[in-house]
Amino acid sequence: MGFRQWAYGHRDGQDGSRWSRALLVVPLALIAVVTVVDISVPPEVHLGPFLVAAPALTASFAGPRATASVGAVAVLAQVVVAVARTSIADLNHMYQIAALFLISAAVTFFAHLRVRRAAEMVRLRTVAEAAQRGILRPLPVRSGPLRIASVYLAAEEGAQLGGDLYATARTARGTRVIIGDVRGKGLAAISGAAGVLGAFRALARQEEHLPDLVARLDSSVTAHRIDSLNETQGGSDDQDIAEVFVTAAVLDIPDAEPELRLVSCGHPPPLLLRAGRVRTLDATRPAPPLGVGPLTDTGPEEDVFDFRAGDMLLLHTDGVTEARDGSGRFYPLTERVAPWPVTGPGPLIELLRADLLRHAGGHLGDDAAMVAVERLPGP
């Protein structure tokens, strides 16, 4: 076994990376410098206590094996200093050697705890990422005569899912699409997003008419909130759960007709890109957000818009239009998108993603979801 494997071991995980191996030169160089200087200075000067910095420094970036190795080298260096200056039996040097050994053992133990904690965090993050991918599944690139692209930008660093959501469902007539934004925060918002997506995937193929689908989604969100409140039983998350509702745009895009049907539940309107022009698809009678409950006796109503071959549809959440630059200006989505010479939903989403992050200085204040849908020519 070589020194590199002996010093780090296969269990040190990230501590065996290239940068940590390069940093190992620093404590070893410190030991060499302190040893040489300590032998050279007058007898009344003792630099041995500085050797403790070597294993302590190693523990901050390396694993327990590397820390123990550096600690052993530091103890050996202190022995060399003792022999060179007086004797290893000298009381002062004996105390320095004992103290260095104990401190090296302590920092090695702490390095072990740090590595184990880091491994636990990696496992937890892997499980969380798998759960997030299971909730917000990637959209298909093709769905009948449609090409689709999407992107999700989480405001929280390291997260892949927040309160925004999107999904598609293939039906006998065409493709149904939902994009939404859960109004809430924390785990309550993620739970709400999971509930909406699960209900949409289950109901999208059962309900023939789009308004009926939206009505059942509204009932599902309400039932999910009630169940969540019952589960918490007066816990600290009650207020977060009680405030959860979902703005959403639900679309039905048939394969055979050059049109789309839209029910807007308090959500930002989609944009239709056609021949270099951008049109906002405003709902005539938008429904209230999902989970608020019906405000009229008629229920949700749908609007029908042309959606021809070559048209591009851009769905988004308000995290896009409410992104601010350094001076506090909102992102002008319609103005930015109009002049772009896009050749498909993928390039459109990539341009929009890069431009949005550039506008916001690389960090969004809220989650942002974007879905682009293009109708292809032909049957």
Protein backbone atom coordinates (compact mmCIF):
# COMPACT_ATOMS: atom_id res chain seq x y z
CA MET A 1 0.00 0.00 0.00
CA GLY A 2 1.43 3.37 -1.06
CA PHE A 3 1.66 6.43 1.17
CA ARG A 4 -1.31 8.09 -0.55
CA GLN A 5 -3.61 5.11 0.14
CA TRP A 6 -2.20 4.68 3.65
CA ALA A 7 -2.62 8.34 4.52
CA TYR A 8 -6.16 8.71 3.21
CA GLY A 9 -7.75 5.30 2.90
CA HIS A 10 -10.78 4.44 0.78
CA ARG A 11 -13.23 5.60 3.44
CA ASP A 12 -12.14 9.19 3.62
CA GLY A 13 -14.41 10.09 0.71
CA GLN A 14 -13.94 13.64 -0.39
CA ASP A 15 -10.80 13.98 1.78
CA GLY A 16 -8.92 11.93 -0.80
CA SER A 17 -9.49 14.53 -3.48
CA ARG A 18 -6.66 16.14 -5.33
CA TRP A 19 -6.87 19.51 -3.61
CA SER A 20 -6.67 17.97 -0.12
CA ARG A 21 -3.62 15.95 -1.13
CA ALA A 22 -1.98 19.13 -2.33
CA LEU A 23 -2.82 20.87 0.94
CA LEU A 24 -1.05 18.08 2.84
CA VAL A 25 2.21 19.72 1.82
CA VAL A 26 1.43 22.67 4.11
CA PRO A 27 1.48 20.87 7.51
CA LEU A 28 4.44 18.72 6.46
CA ALA A 29 6.37 21.83 5.46
CA LEU A 30 5.42 23.43 8.77
CA ILE A 31 6.83 20.45 10.66
CA ALA A 32 10.08 20.63 8.67
CA VAL A 33 10.52 24.37 9.23
CA VAL A 34 9.75 24.22 12.98
CA THR A 35 12.09 21.26 13.45
CA VAL A 36 15.03 22.88 11.68
CA VAL A 37 14.56 26.23 13.41
CA ASP A 38 14.03 24.65 16.84
CA ILE A 39 17.32 22.78 16.58
CA SER A 40 19.15 25.95 15.50
CA VAL A 41 17.89 28.47 18.08
CA PRO A 42 19.43 29.00 21.54
CA PRO A 43 18.61 26.41 24.26
CA GLU A 44 16.29 28.77 26.14
CA VAL A 45 14.00 29.07 23.10
CA HIS A 46 11.51 26.23 22.54
CA LEU A 47 9.46 26.09 19.33
CA GLY A 48 8.16 22.56 19.84
CA PRO A 49 4.62 23.69 20.84
CA PHE A 50 4.18 25.09 17.31
CA LEU A 51 4.23 21.52 15.97
CA VAL A 52 0.70 20.99 17.29
CA ALA A 53 -0.53 23.27 14.51
CA ALA A 54 0.35 20.64 11.89
CA PRO A 55 -2.17 17.90 12.87
CA ALA A 56 -4.76 20.52 13.82
CA LEU A 57 -4.45 22.10 10.38
CA THR A 58 -4.64 18.70 8.67
CA ALA A 59 -7.85 17.81 10.51
CA SER A 60 -9.57 20.81 8.93
CA PHE A 61 -9.34 19.43 5.38
CA ALA A 62 -8.23 15.78 5.52
CA GLY A 63 -9.51 12.54 6.99
CA PRO A 64 -8.47 10.72 10.17
CA ARG A 65 -5.76 8.66 8.51
CA ALA A 66 -4.02 11.70 7.06
CA THR A 67 -4.41 13.55 10.36
CA ALA A 68 -2.95 10.63 12.32
CA SER A 69 -0.09 10.38 9.83
CA VAL A 70 0.80 14.06 10.18
CA GLY A 71 0.46 13.79 13.96
CA ALA A 72 2.88 10.87 14.00
CA VAL A 73 5.36 12.83 11.88
CA ALA A 74 5.02 15.79 14.28
CA VAL A 75 5.69 13.55 17.31
CA LEU A 76 8.70 12.04 15.54
CA ALA A 77 9.98 15.52 14.76
CA GLN A 78 9.65 16.48 18.44
CA VAL A 79 11.69 13.39 19.37
CA VAL A 80 14.38 14.40 16.88
CA VAL A 81 14.49 17.90 18.40
CA ALA A 82 14.78 16.44 21.90
CA VAL A 83 17.67 14.16 20.93
CA ALA A 84 19.44 16.91 19.00
CA ARG A 85 19.15 19.55 21.72
CA THR A 86 19.48 17.66 25.00
CA SER A 87 18.03 14.22 25.57
CA ILE A 88 14.71 12.49 25.07
CA ALA A 89 14.65 11.99 28.85
CA ASP A 90 14.65 15.77 29.38
CA LEU A 91 11.50 16.61 31.37
CA ASN A 92 10.54 19.58 29.19
CA HIS A 93 10.78 17.59 25.99
CA MET A 94 8.94 14.63 27.53
CA TYR A 95 6.01 16.90 28.39
CA GLN A 96 6.02 18.39 24.89
CA ILE A 97 6.05 14.93 23.28
CA ALA A 98 3.21 13.69 25.52
CA ALA A 99 1.11 16.79 24.92
CA LEU A 100 1.68 16.60 21.16
CA PHE A 101 0.69 12.94 21.12
CA LEU A 102 -2.54 13.56 23.06
CA ILE A 103 -3.54 16.55 20.94
CA SER A 104 -2.81 14.62 17.74
CA ALA A 105 -5.03 11.78 18.96
CA ALA A 106 -7.81 14.24 19.82
CA VAL A 107 -7.79 16.03 16.47
CA THR A 108 -7.66 12.66 14.70
CA PHE A 109 -10.86 11.68 16.51
CA PHE A 110 -12.51 14.96 15.54
CA ALA A 111 -11.44 14.44 11.93
CA HIS A 112 -13.13 11.03 12.07
CA LEU A 113 -16.34 12.65 13.35
CA ARG A 114 -16.22 15.31 10.64
CA VAL A 115 -15.74 12.75 7.86
CA ARG A 116 -18.55 10.59 9.21
CA ARG A 117 -20.86 13.60 9.42
CA ALA A 118 -19.93 14.61 5.88
CA ALA A 119 -20.70 11.08 4.65
CA GLU A 120 -24.10 11.22 6.37
CA MET A 121 -24.84 14.56 4.73
CA VAL A 122 -23.91 13.14 1.32
CA ARG A 123 -26.26 10.20 1.87
CA LEU A 124 -29.08 12.46 3.02
CA ARG A 125 -28.56 14.78 0.07
CA THR A 126 -28.58 11.82 -2.33
CA VAL A 127 -31.87 10.60 -0.89
CA ALA A 128 -33.33 14.11 -1.03
CA GLU A 129 -32.28 14.56 -4.65
CA ALA A 130 -33.80 11.20 -5.58
CA ALA A 131 -37.05 12.20 -3.86
CA GLN A 132 -37.07 15.54 -5.63
CA ARG A 133 -36.51 13.91 -9.01
CA GLY A 134 -39.37 11.54 -8.24
CA ILE A 135 -41.72 14.45 -7.52
CA LEU A 136 -40.69 16.76 -10.36
CA ARG A 137 -40.04 14.30 -13.17
CA PRO A 138 -38.30 15.44 -16.37
CA LEU A 139 -40.74 16.34 -19.11
CA PRO A 140 -40.67 14.29 -22.32
CA VAL A 141 -38.86 15.81 -25.27
CA ARG A 142 -41.70 14.78 -27.59
CA SER A 143 -45.41 14.33 -26.95
CA GLY A 144 -47.33 13.65 -30.14
CA PRO A 145 -46.86 16.65 -32.46
CA LEU A 146 -45.26 18.69 -29.67
CA ARG A 147 -41.64 19.35 -28.76
CA ILE A 148 -41.08 20.26 -25.12
CA ALA A 149 -38.26 21.72 -23.06
CA SER A 150 -38.20 22.87 -19.45
CA VAL A 151 -35.97 24.18 -16.71
CA TYR A 152 -36.36 24.63 -12.97
CA LEU A 153 -34.27 27.19 -11.11
CA ALA A 154 -34.45 26.85 -7.34
CA ALA A 155 -33.82 29.98 -5.30
CA GLU A 156 -32.35 27.98 -2.42
CA GLU A 157 -28.79 26.88 -3.10
CA GLY A 158 -28.45 23.12 -3.42
CA ALA A 159 -32.16 22.51 -3.80
CA GLN A 160 -33.81 21.01 -6.87
CA LEU A 161 -37.41 21.55 -5.89
CA GLY A 162 -39.35 24.20 -4.08
CA GLY A 163 -42.91 25.38 -4.57
CA ASP A 164 -42.97 25.57 -8.37
CA LEU A 165 -44.16 22.61 -10.43
CA TYR A 166 -44.84 21.40 -13.95
CA ALA A 167 -45.92 18.14 -15.56
CA THR A 168 -47.40 16.72 -18.76
CA ALA A 169 -49.80 13.85 -19.36
CA ARG A 170 -50.45 12.09 -22.66
CA THR A 171 -54.15 11.41 -23.31
CA ALA A 172 -56.12 9.80 -26.14
CA ARG A 173 -56.78 13.23 -27.71
CA GLY A 174 -53.49 14.97 -27.12
CA THR A 175 -51.30 16.37 -24.34
CA ARG A 176 -52.25 18.06 -21.12
CA VAL A 177 -49.82 20.38 -19.36
CA ILE A 178 -49.81 21.99 -15.94
CA ILE A 179 -47.50 24.62 -14.52
CA GLY A 180 -48.04 26.00 -11.05
CA ASP A 181 -46.68 27.78 -8.03
CA VAL A 182 -47.48 26.71 -4.48
CA ARG A 183 -47.99 29.73 -2.24
CA GLY A 184 -46.31 28.75 0.96
CA LYS A 185 -42.85 28.00 2.22
CA GLY A 186 -40.62 25.22 3.40
CA LEU A 187 -41.75 21.62 3.54
CA ALA A 188 -45.40 22.68 3.30
CA ALA A 189 -44.76 24.10 -0.19
CA ILE A 190 -42.88 20.98 -1.32
CA SER A 191 -45.63 18.77 0.07
CA GLY A 192 -48.23 20.88 -1.72
CA ALA A 193 -46.34 20.61 -5.01
CA ALA A 194 -46.11 16.83 -4.62
CA GLY A 195 -49.86 16.66 -3.94
CA VAL A 196 -50.77 18.69 -7.02
CA LEU A 197 -48.46 16.74 -9.30
CA GLY A 198 -49.74 13.42 -8.01
CA ALA A 199 -53.35 14.47 -8.48
CA PHE A 200 -52.70 15.81 -12.00
CA ARG A 201 -50.98 12.61 -13.12
CA ALA A 202 -53.84 10.54 -11.72
CA LEU A 203 -56.71 12.67 -13.04
CA ALA A 204 -55.43 14.04 -16.36
CA ARG A 205 -56.48 10.89 -18.25
CA GLN A 206 -59.75 10.41 -16.37
CA GLU A 207 -61.50 13.71 -16.99
CA GLU A 208 -62.58 14.39 -20.56
CA HIS A 209 -63.21 18.10 -20.10
CA LEU A 210 -60.52 20.48 -18.88
CA PRO A 211 -62.75 22.45 -16.44
CA ASP A 212 -63.75 19.18 -14.75
CA LEU A 213 -60.08 18.29 -14.34
CA VAL A 214 -59.34 21.66 -12.75
CA ALA A 215 -62.31 21.34 -10.40
CA ARG A 216 -61.04 17.97 -9.18
CA LEU A 217 -57.53 19.39 -8.78
CA ASP A 218 -58.99 22.14 -6.62
CA SER A 219 -60.75 19.57 -4.44
CA SER A 220 -57.55 17.54 -4.21
CA VAL A 221 -55.49 20.51 -3.01
CA THR A 222 -58.11 21.34 -0.38
CA ALA A 223 -58.24 17.74 0.83
CA HIS A 224 -54.43 17.55 0.93
CA ARG A 225 -54.26 20.67 3.08
CA ILE A 226 -56.90 19.34 5.49
CA ASP A 227 -55.08 16.01 5.80
CA SER A 228 -51.77 17.79 6.42
CA LEU A 229 -53.34 19.94 9.15
CA ASN A 230 -54.80 16.84 10.82
CA GLU A 231 -51.39 15.13 10.73
CA THR A 232 -49.61 18.05 12.40
CA GLN A 233 -52.23 18.22 15.19
CA GLY A 234 -51.52 21.77 16.21
CA GLY A 235 -47.82 21.70 15.45
CA SER A 236 -45.67 24.69 14.54
CA ASP A 237 -46.23 24.07 10.80
CA ASP A 238 -49.98 24.61 10.98
CA GLN A 239 -49.82 28.21 9.80
CA ASP A 240 -47.60 27.33 6.83
CA ILE A 241 -49.95 24.52 5.78
CA ALA A 242 -53.08 26.63 6.24
CA GLU A 243 -51.68 29.29 3.91
CA VAL A 244 -50.93 26.85 1.09
CA PHE A 245 -52.76 27.36 -2.19
CA VAL A 246 -51.62 26.90 -5.77
CA THR A 247 -51.73 29.22 -8.75
CA ALA A 248 -51.74 27.14 -11.90
CA ALA A 249 -52.26 27.16 -15.66
CA VAL A 250 -53.72 23.92 -17.00
CA LEU A 251 -53.73 23.33 -20.75
CA ASP A 252 -55.17 20.80 -23.13
CA ILE A 253 -53.42 20.67 -26.50
CA PRO A 254 -55.17 18.30 -28.94
CA ASP A 255 -53.20 16.55 -31.63
CA ALA A 256 -55.78 16.99 -34.42
CA GLU A 257 -56.82 20.63 -33.97
CA PRO A 258 -54.52 23.68 -34.26
CA GLU A 259 -55.62 25.08 -30.92
CA LEU A 260 -55.13 24.88 -27.19
CA ARG A 261 -57.52 25.10 -24.28
CA LEU A 262 -56.51 26.96 -21.15
CA VAL A 263 -57.86 27.24 -17.63
CA SER A 264 -55.94 29.82 -15.61
CA CYS A 265 -56.13 29.62 -11.83
CA GLY A 266 -54.60 32.93 -10.85
CA HIS A 267 -51.37 32.12 -12.69
CA PRO A 268 -49.25 34.36 -14.98
CA PRO A 269 -50.57 34.01 -18.54
CA PRO A 270 -48.62 31.96 -21.09
CA LEU A 271 -46.86 33.64 -23.99
CA LEU A 272 -47.46 32.61 -27.59
CA LEU A 273 -44.52 33.17 -29.95
CA ARG A 274 -45.49 33.33 -33.62
CA ALA A 275 -43.49 34.75 -36.52
CA GLY A 276 -41.34 37.00 -34.34
CA ARG A 277 -44.27 38.33 -32.34
CA VAL A 278 -45.27 37.63 -28.77
CA ARG A 279 -48.87 37.43 -27.64
CA THR A 280 -50.05 37.11 -24.06
CA LEU A 281 -52.79 34.50 -23.65
CA ASP A 282 -54.93 36.20 -21.03
CA ALA A 283 -57.81 34.16 -19.66
CA THR A 284 -61.23 35.72 -20.14
CA ARG A 285 -62.56 34.49 -16.79
CA PRO A 286 -59.67 33.18 -14.69
CA ALA A 287 -60.48 30.79 -11.88
CA PRO A 288 -59.25 31.30 -8.32
CA PRO A 289 -56.07 29.48 -7.26
CA LEU A 290 -56.37 25.79 -6.49
CA GLY A 291 -57.24 25.20 -2.85
CA VAL A 292 -59.07 28.50 -2.37
CA GLY A 293 -62.41 26.97 -3.31
CA PRO A 294 -65.02 28.03 -5.89
CA LEU A 295 -65.90 31.72 -5.83
CA THR A 296 -68.80 31.31 -8.30
CA ASP A 297 -71.43 28.67 -8.99
CA THR A 298 -70.30 28.11 -12.58
CA GLY A 299 -66.93 26.55 -11.80
CA PRO A 300 -63.75 26.89 -13.88
CA GLU A 301 -64.11 28.03 -17.49
CA GLU A 302 -61.72 27.40 -20.35
CA ASP A 303 -60.46 29.68 -23.10
CA VAL A 304 -59.57 28.48 -26.58
CA PHE A 305 -56.61 29.95 -28.50
CA ASP A 306 -55.05 29.19 -31.87
CA PHE A 307 -51.92 27.07 -31.65
CA ARG A 308 -50.67 26.34 -35.15
CA ALA A 309 -47.73 24.46 -36.56
CA GLY A 310 -44.53 26.42 -35.89
CA ASP A 311 -46.00 28.27 -32.90
CA MET A 312 -44.14 28.26 -29.61
CA LEU A 313 -45.80 28.41 -26.22
CA LEU A 314 -43.87 29.66 -23.17
CA LEU A 315 -45.22 28.85 -19.72
CA HIS A 316 -43.58 30.29 -16.63
CA THR A 317 -44.02 31.03 -12.95
CA ASP A 318 -43.81 34.48 -11.40
CA GLY A 319 -40.28 33.78 -10.23
CA VAL A 320 -39.29 34.72 -13.79
CA THR A 321 -41.12 38.03 -14.13
CA GLU A 322 -40.43 39.06 -10.53
CA ALA A 323 -36.67 38.52 -10.72
CA ARG A 324 -34.92 41.82 -10.00
CA ASP A 325 -31.63 43.23 -11.13
CA GLY A 326 -29.23 45.26 -8.99
CA SER A 327 -31.37 48.37 -9.30
CA GLY A 328 -34.59 46.57 -8.39
CA ARG A 329 -36.10 46.37 -11.89
CA PHE A 330 -38.24 43.34 -12.73
CA TYR A 331 -37.26 41.04 -15.55
CA PRO A 332 -39.05 42.22 -18.76
CA LEU A 333 -39.90 38.77 -20.10
CA THR A 334 -41.99 39.77 -23.11
CA GLU A 335 -39.50 42.40 -24.26
CA ARG A 336 -36.56 40.02 -23.96
CA VAL A 337 -38.17 37.06 -25.68
CA ALA A 338 -39.62 38.89 -28.70
CA PRO A 339 -36.39 39.52 -30.70
CA TRP A 340 -34.75 36.16 -30.04
CA PRO A 341 -34.27 34.06 -33.21
CA VAL A 342 -35.17 30.78 -31.52
CA THR A 343 -35.26 27.54 -33.50
CA GLY A 344 -36.97 25.30 -30.97
CA PRO A 345 -38.04 24.97 -27.33
CA GLY A 346 -34.61 23.82 -26.16
CA PRO A 347 -32.70 26.86 -27.45
CA LEU A 348 -35.47 29.16 -26.18
CA ILE A 349 -35.24 27.75 -22.66
CA GLU A 350 -31.44 27.95 -22.65
CA LEU A 351 -31.45 31.57 -23.82
CA LEU A 352 -34.10 32.48 -21.27
CA ARG A 353 -32.29 30.73 -18.43
CA ALA A 354 -28.97 32.45 -19.17
CA ASP A 355 -30.57 35.87 -19.66
CA LEU A 356 -32.66 35.59 -16.49
CA LEU A 357 -29.68 34.65 -14.33
CA ARG A 358 -27.63 37.42 -15.88
CA HIS A 359 -30.39 39.91 -15.10
CA ALA A 360 -30.66 38.70 -11.50
CA GLY A 361 -26.91 38.68 -10.91
CA GLY A 362 -26.76 34.88 -10.72
CA HIS A 363 -29.17 34.50 -7.81
CA LEU A 364 -32.98 34.43 -7.86
CA GLY A 365 -35.12 35.62 -5.00
CA ASP A 366 -37.81 33.03 -5.77
CA ASP A 367 -38.01 29.69 -7.55
CA ALA A 368 -38.56 29.93 -11.30
CA ALA A 369 -39.98 27.30 -13.65
CA MET A 370 -40.17 27.58 -17.44
CA VAL A 371 -41.71 25.25 -20.02
CA ALA A 372 -41.56 25.79 -23.79
CA VAL A 373 -43.88 23.86 -26.12
CA GLU A 374 -43.65 23.90 -29.93
CA ARG A 375 -46.21 22.43 -32.31
CA LEU A 376 -44.53 20.68 -35.21
CA PRO A 377 -45.94 20.65 -38.72
CA GLY A 378 -47.54 17.51 -40.13
CA PRO A 379 -50.09 15.07 -38.74
